[in-house]
Amino acid sequence: MKKNMITFIIVLVLLFGALAFVVSYQNQQQSEGNPYGKSSLEQGTIDQLNDPLYQNQILPNELEERLENNEDVTVYFYSPDCIHCQNTTPLIVPMTEGLEIDLKKLNLLEFEGAWNTFNIESTPTIVHYENGEEVARINGARPIIEFDNFFNEHVLDSDSSAETDSE
């Protein structure tokens, strides 16, 4: 009886070890070639890798470079684990695509330091930068009309005035 119990425990430990190896291997395979440039990713990020709503990622150093170059950019700061982000993303991504706004996405779960670097207090947050400077921000989950107003007032107006200035 004692021998059977020891055999059972050994088999159980081996099964758990094999399961852990398989899960780790699968996560590593999914992490390779990802847009984050990292060898390991959080599970929430892995779950969104192939989701069309979470494409068009920007890395923090890439955003800093664009701001230093005085470029215009609109960034959606989010976390895959944030329930408000999970509810907001399906509203704003199709909206920005319809408005032809190049909405960059910055995953704060993968880049914890970006919270301080870009003064993000909560998620979701959308920030519009013009000439490398922040000109507008909207925080938190909101009714869709507020996002629509934000994009029309701050992003689209700045695009049309930039086109007028260049003509």
N, C-alpha and C. Protein backbone atom coordinates (compact mmCIF):
# COMPACT_ATOMS: atom_id res chain seq x y z
N MET A 1 0.83 -1.20 0.00
CA MET A 1 0.00 0.00 0.00
C MET A 1 0.87 1.26 0.00
N LYS A 2 1.90 1.27 0.85
CA LYS A 2 2.79 2.41 0.95
C LYS A 2 3.56 2.61 -0.36
N LYS A 3 3.96 1.48 -0.98
CA LYS A 3 4.68 1.54 -2.24
C LYS A 3 3.80 2.12 -3.35
N ASN A 4 2.52 1.74 -3.38
CA ASN A 4 1.58 2.27 -4.37
C ASN A 4 1.37 3.77 -4.19
N MET A 5 1.31 4.22 -2.97
CA MET A 5 1.12 5.64 -2.68
C MET A 5 2.33 6.44 -3.16
N ILE A 6 3.53 5.95 -2.94
CA ILE A 6 4.75 6.63 -3.39
C ILE A 6 4.78 6.68 -4.91
N THR A 7 4.43 5.57 -5.56
CA THR A 7 4.39 5.53 -7.02
C THR A 7 3.37 6.54 -7.55
N PHE A 8 2.22 6.59 -6.93
CA PHE A 8 1.18 7.53 -7.34
C PHE A 8 1.67 8.97 -7.22
N ILE A 9 2.32 9.32 -6.13
CA ILE A 9 2.83 10.68 -5.91
C ILE A 9 3.90 11.03 -6.94
N ILE A 10 4.77 10.08 -7.24
CA ILE A 10 5.83 10.32 -8.24
C ILE A 10 5.20 10.57 -9.61
N VAL A 11 4.23 9.77 -10.00
CA VAL A 11 3.55 9.94 -11.28
C VAL A 11 2.84 11.29 -11.33
N LEU A 12 2.20 11.66 -10.24
CA LEU A 12 1.49 12.93 -10.17
C LEU A 12 2.46 14.12 -10.32
N VAL A 13 3.59 14.05 -9.65
CA VAL A 13 4.60 15.11 -9.75
C VAL A 13 5.14 15.19 -11.18
N LEU A 14 5.39 14.06 -11.81
CA LEU A 14 5.86 14.05 -13.19
C LEU A 14 4.83 14.64 -14.15
N LEU A 15 3.55 14.34 -13.93
CA LEU A 15 2.50 14.90 -14.78
C LEU A 15 2.42 16.42 -14.64
N PHE A 16 2.48 16.91 -13.41
CA PHE A 16 2.46 18.35 -13.21
C PHE A 16 3.69 19.02 -13.82
N GLY A 17 4.83 18.37 -13.71
CA GLY A 17 6.05 18.90 -14.32
C GLY A 17 5.94 18.96 -15.83
N ALA A 18 5.41 17.91 -16.43
CA ALA A 18 5.23 17.88 -17.88
C ALA A 18 4.23 18.95 -18.32
N LEU A 19 3.17 19.11 -17.59
CA LEU A 19 2.16 20.12 -17.90
C LEU A 19 2.77 21.53 -17.82
N ALA A 20 3.54 21.80 -16.80
CA ALA A 20 4.20 23.10 -16.65
C ALA A 20 5.15 23.35 -17.82
N PHE A 21 5.87 22.34 -18.23
CA PHE A 21 6.80 22.48 -19.36
C PHE A 21 6.04 22.80 -20.65
N VAL A 22 4.95 22.09 -20.90
CA VAL A 22 4.17 22.30 -22.13
C VAL A 22 3.59 23.72 -22.15
N VAL A 23 3.03 24.17 -21.04
CA VAL A 23 2.46 25.52 -20.98
C VAL A 23 3.55 26.56 -21.19
N SER A 24 4.68 26.39 -20.55
CA SER A 24 5.80 27.32 -20.69
C SER A 24 6.29 27.35 -22.13
N TYR A 25 6.40 26.19 -22.75
CA TYR A 25 6.85 26.10 -24.13
C TYR A 25 5.88 26.79 -25.08
N GLN A 26 4.57 26.59 -24.87
CA GLN A 26 3.57 27.23 -25.72
C GLN A 26 3.62 28.74 -25.57
N ASN A 27 3.77 29.23 -24.34
CA ASN A 27 3.85 30.67 -24.13
C ASN A 27 5.10 31.25 -24.78
N GLN A 28 6.20 30.52 -24.73
CA GLN A 28 7.44 30.99 -25.35
C GLN A 28 7.27 31.05 -26.86
N GLN A 29 6.63 30.05 -27.44
CA GLN A 29 6.40 30.02 -28.88
C GLN A 29 5.54 31.21 -29.31
N GLN A 30 4.51 31.53 -28.52
CA GLN A 30 3.63 32.64 -28.85
C GLN A 30 4.35 33.97 -28.66
N SER A 31 5.29 34.02 -27.75
CA SER A 31 6.00 35.27 -27.45
C SER A 31 7.02 35.62 -28.52
N GLU A 32 7.52 34.63 -29.24
CA GLU A 32 8.54 34.88 -30.26
C GLU A 32 7.93 35.65 -31.43
N GLY A 33 8.63 36.65 -31.90
CA GLY A 33 8.16 37.43 -33.03
C GLY A 33 7.00 38.35 -32.69
N ASN A 34 6.82 38.66 -31.42
CA ASN A 34 5.72 39.53 -31.02
C ASN A 34 6.08 41.00 -31.23
N PRO A 35 5.08 41.88 -31.27
CA PRO A 35 5.36 43.29 -31.53
C PRO A 35 5.97 44.03 -30.35
N TYR A 36 6.16 43.35 -29.23
CA TYR A 36 6.67 43.99 -28.02
C TYR A 36 8.18 43.88 -27.88
N GLY A 37 8.81 43.06 -28.69
CA GLY A 37 10.25 42.91 -28.62
C GLY A 37 10.73 42.27 -27.32
N LYS A 38 9.89 41.47 -26.70
CA LYS A 38 10.23 40.82 -25.42
C LYS A 38 10.20 39.31 -25.60
N SER A 39 11.03 38.63 -24.82
CA SER A 39 11.08 37.17 -24.92
C SER A 39 9.98 36.49 -24.13
N SER A 40 9.44 37.15 -23.11
CA SER A 40 8.31 36.57 -22.39
C SER A 40 7.27 37.64 -22.15
N LEU A 41 6.02 37.24 -22.26
CA LEU A 41 4.91 38.16 -22.14
C LEU A 41 3.95 37.70 -21.06
N GLU A 42 3.19 38.65 -20.54
CA GLU A 42 2.14 38.33 -19.58
C GLU A 42 1.02 37.58 -20.31
N GLN A 43 0.30 36.74 -19.59
CA GLN A 43 -0.74 35.92 -20.22
C GLN A 43 -1.82 36.77 -20.88
N GLY A 44 -2.20 37.88 -20.26
CA GLY A 44 -3.21 38.75 -20.85
C GLY A 44 -2.78 39.28 -22.21
N THR A 45 -1.50 39.57 -22.35
CA THR A 45 -0.97 40.04 -23.63
C THR A 45 -0.96 38.90 -24.65
N ILE A 46 -0.54 37.73 -24.22
CA ILE A 46 -0.51 36.57 -25.12
C ILE A 46 -1.91 36.29 -25.67
N ASP A 47 -2.91 36.43 -24.81
CA ASP A 47 -4.29 36.17 -25.25
C ASP A 47 -4.75 37.15 -26.32
N GLN A 48 -4.11 38.33 -26.40
CA GLN A 48 -4.54 39.36 -27.36
C GLN A 48 -3.63 39.46 -28.58
N LEU A 49 -2.59 38.66 -28.67
CA LEU A 49 -1.62 38.80 -29.75
C LEU A 49 -2.25 38.78 -31.15
N ASN A 50 -3.21 37.93 -31.37
CA ASN A 50 -3.81 37.81 -32.71
C ASN A 50 -5.14 38.53 -32.84
N ASP A 51 -5.54 39.25 -31.79
CA ASP A 51 -6.80 39.98 -31.82
C ASP A 51 -6.63 41.24 -32.66
N PRO A 52 -7.44 41.43 -33.71
CA PRO A 52 -7.29 42.61 -34.57
C PRO A 52 -7.48 43.93 -33.84
N LEU A 53 -8.17 43.92 -32.72
CA LEU A 53 -8.37 45.15 -31.96
C LEU A 53 -7.10 45.65 -31.29
N TYR A 54 -6.12 44.78 -31.13
CA TYR A 54 -4.90 45.13 -30.39
C TYR A 54 -3.66 45.15 -31.27
N GLN A 55 -3.84 45.43 -32.54
CA GLN A 55 -2.70 45.58 -33.44
C GLN A 55 -2.28 47.05 -33.42
N ASN A 56 -1.30 47.42 -34.21
CA ASN A 56 -0.83 48.81 -34.30
C ASN A 56 -0.21 49.27 -32.98
N GLN A 57 0.61 48.39 -32.40
CA GLN A 57 1.27 48.69 -31.13
C GLN A 57 2.41 49.69 -31.33
N ILE A 58 2.68 50.46 -30.29
CA ILE A 58 3.84 51.33 -30.26
C ILE A 58 4.58 51.05 -28.96
N LEU A 59 5.89 50.96 -29.04
CA LEU A 59 6.72 50.72 -27.86
C LEU A 59 7.04 52.05 -27.20
N PRO A 60 7.26 52.06 -25.89
CA PRO A 60 7.54 53.32 -25.20
C PRO A 60 8.71 54.10 -25.81
N ASN A 61 9.81 53.42 -26.14
CA ASN A 61 10.96 54.14 -26.71
C ASN A 61 10.64 54.69 -28.09
N GLU A 62 9.79 54.01 -28.84
CA GLU A 62 9.36 54.49 -30.15
C GLU A 62 8.48 55.74 -29.99
N LEU A 63 7.60 55.73 -28.99
CA LEU A 63 6.76 56.90 -28.73
C LEU A 63 7.62 58.08 -28.28
N GLU A 64 8.56 57.83 -27.38
CA GLU A 64 9.45 58.91 -26.93
C GLU A 64 10.21 59.52 -28.10
N GLU A 65 10.67 58.68 -29.01
CA GLU A 65 11.40 59.17 -30.18
C GLU A 65 10.50 60.04 -31.07
N ARG A 66 9.27 59.60 -31.27
CA ARG A 66 8.34 60.38 -32.09
C ARG A 66 8.03 61.73 -31.45
N LEU A 67 7.91 61.74 -30.12
CA LEU A 67 7.65 62.99 -29.42
C LEU A 67 8.86 63.92 -29.48
N GLU A 68 10.06 63.34 -29.33
CA GLU A 68 11.28 64.14 -29.44
C GLU A 68 11.45 64.73 -30.84
N ASN A 69 10.91 64.05 -31.84
CA ASN A 69 10.96 64.52 -33.23
C ASN A 69 9.79 65.45 -33.56
N ASN A 70 9.05 65.86 -32.51
CA ASN A 70 7.92 66.79 -32.67
C ASN A 70 6.85 66.29 -33.62
N GLU A 71 6.57 65.00 -33.57
CA GLU A 71 5.54 64.42 -34.43
C GLU A 71 4.18 64.46 -33.76
N ASP A 72 3.14 64.34 -34.56
CA ASP A 72 1.77 64.20 -34.06
C ASP A 72 1.49 62.71 -33.92
N VAL A 73 0.88 62.33 -32.83
CA VAL A 73 0.52 60.92 -32.61
C VAL A 73 -0.61 60.85 -31.59
N THR A 74 -1.50 59.89 -31.80
CA THR A 74 -2.59 59.63 -30.87
C THR A 74 -2.37 58.23 -30.32
N VAL A 75 -2.34 58.12 -28.97
CA VAL A 75 -1.98 56.86 -28.32
C VAL A 75 -3.07 56.43 -27.34
N TYR A 76 -3.39 55.16 -27.44
CA TYR A 76 -4.33 54.52 -26.52
C TYR A 76 -3.51 53.71 -25.53
N PHE A 77 -3.46 54.17 -24.28
CA PHE A 77 -2.75 53.47 -23.21
C PHE A 77 -3.76 52.54 -22.54
N TYR A 78 -3.42 51.26 -22.48
CA TYR A 78 -4.36 50.26 -21.95
C TYR A 78 -3.61 49.13 -21.27
N SER A 79 -4.37 48.30 -20.57
CA SER A 79 -3.83 47.07 -20.00
C SER A 79 -4.76 45.92 -20.38
N PRO A 80 -4.20 44.81 -20.86
CA PRO A 80 -5.05 43.66 -21.21
C PRO A 80 -5.88 43.14 -20.03
N ASP A 81 -5.42 43.38 -18.80
CA ASP A 81 -6.13 42.89 -17.62
C ASP A 81 -7.19 43.86 -17.11
N CYS A 82 -7.28 45.05 -17.70
CA CYS A 82 -8.23 46.09 -17.25
C CYS A 82 -9.60 45.83 -17.87
N ILE A 83 -10.60 45.63 -17.04
CA ILE A 83 -11.95 45.34 -17.53
C ILE A 83 -12.52 46.54 -18.29
N HIS A 84 -12.16 47.76 -17.86
CA HIS A 84 -12.64 48.96 -18.56
C HIS A 84 -12.03 49.05 -19.95
N CYS A 85 -10.77 48.64 -20.07
CA CYS A 85 -10.12 48.61 -21.39
C CYS A 85 -10.77 47.54 -22.27
N GLN A 86 -11.06 46.41 -21.69
CA GLN A 86 -11.69 45.33 -22.45
C GLN A 86 -13.06 45.75 -22.98
N ASN A 87 -13.74 46.64 -22.26
CA ASN A 87 -15.04 47.14 -22.71
C ASN A 87 -14.91 48.32 -23.67
N THR A 88 -13.86 49.11 -23.52
CA THR A 88 -13.67 50.32 -24.32
C THR A 88 -13.05 50.02 -25.69
N THR A 89 -12.10 49.11 -25.73
CA THR A 89 -11.38 48.84 -26.98
C THR A 89 -12.31 48.49 -28.14
N PRO A 90 -13.31 47.60 -27.96
CA PRO A 90 -14.19 47.28 -29.09
C PRO A 90 -15.03 48.46 -29.58
N LEU A 91 -15.12 49.53 -28.77
CA LEU A 91 -15.85 50.72 -29.19
C LEU A 91 -14.96 51.68 -29.98
N ILE A 92 -13.76 51.93 -29.44
CA ILE A 92 -12.94 52.99 -30.03
C ILE A 92 -12.11 52.55 -31.22
N VAL A 93 -11.69 51.30 -31.26
CA VAL A 93 -10.85 50.86 -32.38
C VAL A 93 -11.62 50.93 -33.71
N PRO A 94 -12.82 50.36 -33.80
CA PRO A 94 -13.56 50.50 -35.06
C PRO A 94 -13.89 51.97 -35.37
N MET A 95 -14.16 52.76 -34.32
CA MET A 95 -14.46 54.18 -34.53
C MET A 95 -13.26 54.89 -35.15
N THR A 96 -12.07 54.67 -34.61
CA THR A 96 -10.89 55.35 -35.14
C THR A 96 -10.55 54.85 -36.54
N GLU A 97 -10.79 53.59 -36.81
CA GLU A 97 -10.56 53.07 -38.15
C GLU A 97 -11.52 53.74 -39.14
N GLY A 98 -12.78 53.91 -38.73
CA GLY A 98 -13.77 54.57 -39.58
C GLY A 98 -13.44 56.04 -39.82
N LEU A 99 -12.84 56.67 -38.82
CA LEU A 99 -12.45 58.08 -38.94
C LEU A 99 -11.07 58.24 -39.58
N GLU A 100 -10.43 57.11 -39.90
CA GLU A 100 -9.09 57.07 -40.48
C GLU A 100 -8.05 57.74 -39.58
N ILE A 101 -8.17 57.45 -38.28
CA ILE A 101 -7.21 57.93 -37.28
C ILE A 101 -6.24 56.78 -37.02
N ASP A 102 -4.96 57.08 -37.08
CA ASP A 102 -3.93 56.08 -36.81
C ASP A 102 -3.71 56.01 -35.30
N LEU A 103 -4.56 55.24 -34.62
CA LEU A 103 -4.50 55.10 -33.16
C LEU A 103 -3.44 54.08 -32.78
N LYS A 104 -2.37 54.55 -32.17
CA LYS A 104 -1.33 53.66 -31.67
C LYS A 104 -1.77 53.13 -30.32
N LYS A 105 -1.35 51.91 -30.01
CA LYS A 105 -1.72 51.29 -28.73
C LYS A 105 -0.47 50.97 -27.94
N LEU A 106 -0.47 51.35 -26.66
CA LEU A 106 0.66 51.07 -25.78
C LEU A 106 0.18 50.25 -24.61
N ASN A 107 0.68 49.02 -24.53
CA ASN A 107 0.28 48.04 -23.53
C ASN A 107 1.05 48.29 -22.23
N LEU A 108 0.37 48.84 -21.23
CA LEU A 108 1.01 49.17 -19.96
C LEU A 108 1.32 47.95 -19.11
N LEU A 109 0.67 46.83 -19.38
CA LEU A 109 0.97 45.60 -18.64
C LEU A 109 2.39 45.13 -18.96
N GLU A 110 2.82 45.32 -20.18
CA GLU A 110 4.16 44.90 -20.59
C GLU A 110 5.22 45.96 -20.30
N PHE A 111 4.81 47.21 -20.16
CA PHE A 111 5.76 48.30 -19.97
C PHE A 111 5.33 49.14 -18.77
N GLU A 112 5.54 48.60 -17.59
CA GLU A 112 5.12 49.24 -16.33
C GLU A 112 5.69 50.64 -16.18
N GLY A 113 6.92 50.88 -16.65
CA GLY A 113 7.55 52.18 -16.52
C GLY A 113 6.86 53.27 -17.31
N ALA A 114 6.07 52.89 -18.30
CA ALA A 114 5.38 53.87 -19.15
C ALA A 114 4.32 54.64 -18.37
N TRP A 115 3.82 54.07 -17.28
CA TRP A 115 2.84 54.79 -16.45
C TRP A 115 3.41 56.15 -16.05
N ASN A 116 4.63 56.14 -15.50
CA ASN A 116 5.25 57.39 -15.05
C ASN A 116 5.78 58.21 -16.21
N THR A 117 6.39 57.56 -17.17
CA THR A 117 6.99 58.28 -18.29
C THR A 117 5.98 59.16 -19.00
N PHE A 118 4.75 58.65 -19.17
CA PHE A 118 3.73 59.38 -19.93
C PHE A 118 2.61 59.92 -19.03
N ASN A 119 2.86 59.92 -17.71
CA ASN A 119 1.90 60.47 -16.73
C ASN A 119 0.51 59.86 -16.84
N ILE A 120 0.47 58.54 -16.91
CA ILE A 120 -0.82 57.85 -17.01
C ILE A 120 -1.28 57.50 -15.60
N GLU A 121 -2.50 57.91 -15.26
CA GLU A 121 -3.03 57.68 -13.93
C GLU A 121 -4.02 56.53 -13.88
N SER A 122 -4.67 56.24 -15.00
CA SER A 122 -5.64 55.15 -15.04
C SER A 122 -5.77 54.66 -16.48
N THR A 123 -6.38 53.49 -16.61
CA THR A 123 -6.64 52.96 -17.94
C THR A 123 -8.15 52.76 -18.08
N PRO A 124 -8.64 52.91 -19.28
CA PRO A 124 -7.95 53.33 -20.49
C PRO A 124 -7.71 54.83 -20.50
N THR A 125 -6.67 55.24 -21.21
CA THR A 125 -6.36 56.66 -21.42
C THR A 125 -5.96 56.85 -22.87
N ILE A 126 -6.50 57.89 -23.49
CA ILE A 126 -6.10 58.24 -24.85
C ILE A 126 -5.48 59.63 -24.78
N VAL A 127 -4.30 59.76 -25.36
CA VAL A 127 -3.61 61.04 -25.37
C VAL A 127 -3.30 61.41 -26.82
N HIS A 128 -3.59 62.65 -27.16
CA HIS A 128 -3.25 63.16 -28.50
C HIS A 128 -2.11 64.16 -28.34
N TYR A 129 -1.04 63.92 -29.09
CA TYR A 129 0.14 64.79 -29.08
C TYR A 129 0.23 65.50 -30.43
N GLU A 130 0.56 66.79 -30.38
CA GLU A 130 0.84 67.57 -31.59
C GLU A 130 2.20 68.21 -31.43
N ASN A 131 3.01 68.10 -32.46
CA ASN A 131 4.38 68.65 -32.41
C ASN A 131 5.12 68.15 -31.17
N GLY A 132 4.87 66.90 -30.80
CA GLY A 132 5.56 66.28 -29.67
C GLY A 132 5.05 66.67 -28.31
N GLU A 133 3.99 67.49 -28.24
CA GLU A 133 3.44 67.95 -26.96
C GLU A 133 2.02 67.44 -26.79
N GLU A 134 1.68 67.07 -25.54
CA GLU A 134 0.32 66.64 -25.27
C GLU A 134 -0.63 67.82 -25.40
N VAL A 135 -1.72 67.62 -26.16
CA VAL A 135 -2.71 68.68 -26.32
C VAL A 135 -4.10 68.26 -25.83
N ALA A 136 -4.34 66.95 -25.70
CA ALA A 136 -5.65 66.49 -25.23
C ALA A 136 -5.52 65.09 -24.65
N ARG A 137 -6.38 64.83 -23.67
CA ARG A 137 -6.38 63.53 -22.99
C ARG A 137 -7.80 63.21 -22.55
N ILE A 138 -8.14 61.92 -22.62
CA ILE A 138 -9.41 61.44 -22.09
C ILE A 138 -9.11 60.16 -21.30
N ASN A 139 -9.59 60.12 -20.06
CA ASN A 139 -9.32 59.00 -19.16
C ASN A 139 -10.59 58.21 -18.87
N GLY A 140 -10.42 56.92 -18.66
CA GLY A 140 -11.48 56.08 -18.16
C GLY A 140 -12.49 55.63 -19.20
N ALA A 141 -13.33 54.71 -18.76
CA ALA A 141 -14.41 54.20 -19.60
C ALA A 141 -15.47 55.30 -19.68
N ARG A 142 -15.94 55.55 -20.88
CA ARG A 142 -16.89 56.64 -21.12
C ARG A 142 -17.94 56.17 -22.11
N PRO A 143 -19.04 56.92 -22.18
CA PRO A 143 -20.00 56.64 -23.26
C PRO A 143 -19.32 56.90 -24.61
N ILE A 144 -19.73 56.18 -25.61
CA ILE A 144 -19.08 56.26 -26.92
C ILE A 144 -19.13 57.68 -27.50
N ILE A 145 -20.17 58.43 -27.19
CA ILE A 145 -20.28 59.79 -27.72
C ILE A 145 -19.13 60.68 -27.22
N GLU A 146 -18.66 60.44 -26.00
CA GLU A 146 -17.54 61.24 -25.48
C GLU A 146 -16.25 60.95 -26.24
N PHE A 147 -16.04 59.70 -26.60
CA PHE A 147 -14.86 59.36 -27.41
C PHE A 147 -15.00 59.97 -28.80
N ASP A 148 -16.19 59.88 -29.36
CA ASP A 148 -16.43 60.46 -30.68
C ASP A 148 -16.15 61.97 -30.65
N ASN A 149 -16.64 62.65 -29.62
CA ASN A 149 -16.38 64.09 -29.48
C ASN A 149 -14.90 64.38 -29.33
N PHE A 150 -14.22 63.56 -28.53
CA PHE A 150 -12.78 63.74 -28.33
C PHE A 150 -12.03 63.65 -29.66
N PHE A 151 -12.29 62.59 -30.42
CA PHE A 151 -11.58 62.40 -31.70
C PHE A 151 -11.92 63.51 -32.68
N ASN A 152 -13.19 63.89 -32.76
CA ASN A 152 -13.58 64.94 -33.70
C ASN A 152 -13.03 66.30 -33.30
N GLU A 153 -13.04 66.60 -32.02
CA GLU A 153 -12.59 67.91 -31.56
C GLU A 153 -11.08 68.06 -31.55
N HIS A 154 -10.38 67.02 -31.13
CA HIS A 154 -8.94 67.16 -30.91
C HIS A 154 -8.07 66.54 -32.01
N VAL A 155 -8.47 65.39 -32.51
CA VAL A 155 -7.62 64.69 -33.47
C VAL A 155 -7.94 65.11 -34.90
N LEU A 156 -9.20 65.04 -35.29
CA LEU A 156 -9.57 65.37 -36.66
C LEU A 156 -9.41 66.86 -36.94
N ASP A 157 -9.77 67.71 -35.99
CA ASP A 157 -9.58 69.16 -36.17
C ASP A 157 -8.12 69.50 -36.38
N SER A 158 -7.23 68.83 -35.62
CA SER A 158 -5.80 69.13 -35.77
C SER A 158 -5.29 68.63 -37.12
N ASP A 159 -5.84 67.51 -37.61
CA ASP A 159 -5.42 67.00 -38.92
C ASP A 159 -5.84 67.96 -40.03
N SER A 160 -7.06 68.48 -39.95
CA SER A 160 -7.54 69.38 -41.00
C SER A 160 -6.82 70.72 -40.95
N SER A 161 -6.50 71.22 -39.75
CA SER A 161 -5.78 72.49 -39.66
C SER A 161 -4.33 72.31 -40.13
N ALA A 162 -3.76 71.15 -39.92
CA ALA A 162 -2.39 70.88 -40.40
C ALA A 162 -2.39 70.84 -41.93
N GLU A 163 -3.45 70.27 -42.53
CA GLU A 163 -3.53 70.23 -43.99
C GLU A 163 -3.71 71.63 -44.55
N THR A 164 -4.53 72.45 -43.86
CA THR A 164 -4.75 73.82 -44.31
C THR A 164 -3.45 74.62 -44.22
N ASP A 165 -2.68 74.43 -43.15
CA ASP A 165 -1.43 75.14 -42.96
C ASP A 165 -0.42 74.79 -44.04
N SER A 166 -0.45 73.54 -44.52
CA SER A 166 0.57 73.10 -45.48
C SER A 166 0.20 73.48 -46.92
N GLU A 167 -1.03 73.93 -47.15
CA GLU A 167 -1.45 74.26 -48.52
C GLU A 167 -1.01 75.63 -48.95
